[in-house]
Protein backbone atom coordinates (compact mmCIF):
# COMPACT_ATOMS: atom_id res chain seq x y z
CA MET A 1 -7.27 -10.52 -16.38
CA GLY A 2 -7.27 -7.73 -13.83
CA LYS A 3 -4.42 -6.51 -11.71
CA LEU A 4 -3.73 -4.45 -8.59
CA THR A 5 -0.76 -2.11 -8.32
CA THR A 6 0.40 0.57 -5.89
CA HIS A 7 3.07 3.16 -5.36
CA VAL A 8 4.12 5.41 -2.48
CA LEU A 9 5.12 9.06 -2.62
CA ASP A 10 6.81 10.62 0.42
CA THR A 11 5.17 14.06 0.39
CA MET A 12 7.56 15.36 3.06
CA SER A 13 10.58 14.96 0.78
CA GLY A 14 8.86 14.87 -2.61
CA LEU A 15 10.57 11.55 -3.35
CA PRO A 16 9.31 8.02 -4.00
CA GLY A 17 8.78 5.94 -0.85
CA ALA A 18 11.45 3.29 -1.36
CA GLU A 19 11.87 0.11 0.68
CA ILE A 20 8.42 0.28 2.34
CA LYS A 21 6.91 -3.00 3.49
CA VAL A 22 3.37 -3.47 2.15
CA GLU A 23 0.97 -6.28 3.03
CA LEU A 24 -2.15 -7.26 1.10
CA PHE A 25 -5.17 -8.91 2.76
CA ARG A 26 -8.51 -10.18 1.39
CA GLN A 27 -11.63 -10.04 3.54
CA GLN A 28 -13.00 -13.49 4.34
CA GLY A 29 -16.16 -13.16 6.41
CA GLU A 30 -15.32 -11.09 9.47
CA HIS A 31 -11.53 -11.38 9.23
CA TYR A 32 -8.79 -10.63 6.71
CA GLU A 33 -6.62 -13.31 5.11
CA HIS A 34 -3.00 -12.43 4.33
CA ILE A 35 -2.32 -12.69 0.59
CA GLN A 36 1.26 -11.47 0.31
CA THR A 37 3.95 -9.11 1.52
CA VAL A 38 6.00 -6.96 -0.86
CA THR A 39 8.50 -4.10 -0.60
CA THR A 40 8.51 -0.99 -2.74
CA ASN A 41 11.48 -0.45 -5.05
CA SER A 42 13.57 2.71 -5.53
CA ASP A 43 10.71 4.25 -7.55
CA GLY A 44 8.22 3.65 -4.70
CA ARG A 45 6.47 0.94 -6.73
CA THR A 46 6.40 -2.83 -6.53
CA ASP A 47 8.33 -4.78 -9.15
CA GLN A 48 5.24 -6.82 -10.05
CA PRO A 49 1.50 -6.27 -9.60
CA ILE A 50 0.43 -7.11 -6.05
CA LEU A 51 -2.47 -9.16 -7.35
CA GLU A 52 -3.12 -10.44 -10.87
CA ASP A 53 -4.43 -13.23 -13.11
CA ALA A 54 -6.34 -16.03 -11.36
CA ALA A 55 -5.60 -14.61 -7.89
CA PHE A 56 -7.39 -11.37 -8.83
CA GLN A 57 -10.94 -11.78 -7.56
CA ALA A 58 -13.73 -9.33 -6.82
CA GLY A 59 -14.05 -8.58 -3.11
CA LYS A 60 -12.93 -6.39 -0.23
CA TYR A 61 -9.21 -5.93 0.39
CA GLN A 62 -6.81 -3.97 2.53
CA LEU A 63 -3.28 -2.75 2.00
CA VAL A 64 -1.08 -2.06 5.03
CA PHE A 65 1.89 0.27 4.48
CA TYR A 66 4.52 0.29 7.26
CA VAL A 67 5.40 3.96 7.04
CA ALA A 68 6.91 4.67 10.50
CA ASP A 69 9.72 2.20 9.75
CA TYR A 70 10.33 4.01 6.47
CA PHE A 71 10.45 7.48 8.03
CA ARG A 72 12.81 6.29 10.76
CA GLN A 73 15.12 4.89 8.05
CA GLN A 74 15.04 8.34 6.43
CA GLY A 75 16.30 9.89 9.67
CA VAL A 76 12.98 11.44 10.67
CA THR A 77 12.53 11.68 14.44
CA LEU A 78 9.14 10.23 15.37
CA ASP A 79 7.38 10.06 18.72
CA GLU A 80 7.78 6.84 20.70
CA VAL A 81 4.28 5.99 19.52
CA PRO A 82 4.19 7.50 15.99
CA PHE A 83 1.13 9.38 14.82
CA LEU A 84 1.15 7.16 11.71
CA ASP A 85 2.78 3.80 12.40
CA ASP A 86 1.13 1.91 9.59
CA VAL A 87 -1.44 3.12 7.08
CA VAL A 88 -4.36 0.79 6.32
CA ILE A 89 -6.37 1.32 3.15
CA ARG A 90 -9.54 -0.75 2.72
CA PHE A 91 -11.10 -0.88 -0.73
CA GLY A 92 -13.23 -3.02 -3.03
CA LEU A 93 -12.39 -4.66 -6.35
CA ASN A 94 -15.38 -5.28 -8.59
CA ASP A 95 -14.25 -5.62 -12.21
CA GLU A 96 -12.02 -8.69 -12.55
CA GLN A 97 -10.77 -7.40 -15.91
CA ALA A 98 -9.72 -3.93 -14.71
CA HIS A 99 -6.43 -2.45 -13.55
CA TYR A 100 -6.84 -1.03 -10.05
CA HIS A 101 -4.06 1.28 -8.88
CA VAL A 102 -4.01 2.39 -5.22
CA PRO A 103 -1.34 5.04 -4.62
CA LEU A 104 -0.36 6.33 -1.17
CA LEU A 105 0.83 9.90 -0.61
CA VAL A 106 2.26 10.04 2.91
CA SER A 107 4.14 12.15 5.45
CA PRO A 108 4.70 11.42 9.15
CA TYR A 109 1.40 13.19 10.00
CA SER A 110 -0.90 12.75 7.00
CA PHE A 111 -1.80 10.51 4.10
CA SER A 112 -4.04 10.47 1.05
CA THR A 113 -5.07 7.87 -1.48
CA TYR A 114 -7.27 7.60 -4.55
CA ARG A 115 -8.10 5.17 -7.33
CA GLY A 116 -5.38 5.82 -9.86
CA SER A 117 -4.99 4.60 -13.40
């Protein structure tokens, strides 16, 4: 069965993004259904895959990373309305047998993602 994993790298400090709240949603018609909420560990990863086994289905998904909260906890001074409050990544899963890895590289003013391995 397939699985979905993620990790976060704080590119400002060069360290893993620890204790970041991440939510997973699946697109259902015109709206998104909440699947689960997880928190990254000290290595910037989740302890378990975010999605796996029977719950892993082809379709459109989104991950929401609450990065402003993380940067504030790190002592970074952000504007009252942060440039990046949360980062939303929308992506598709097609192969129900594959491992999809969606990493987030983030700073208070930029982010990048890719399909990892």
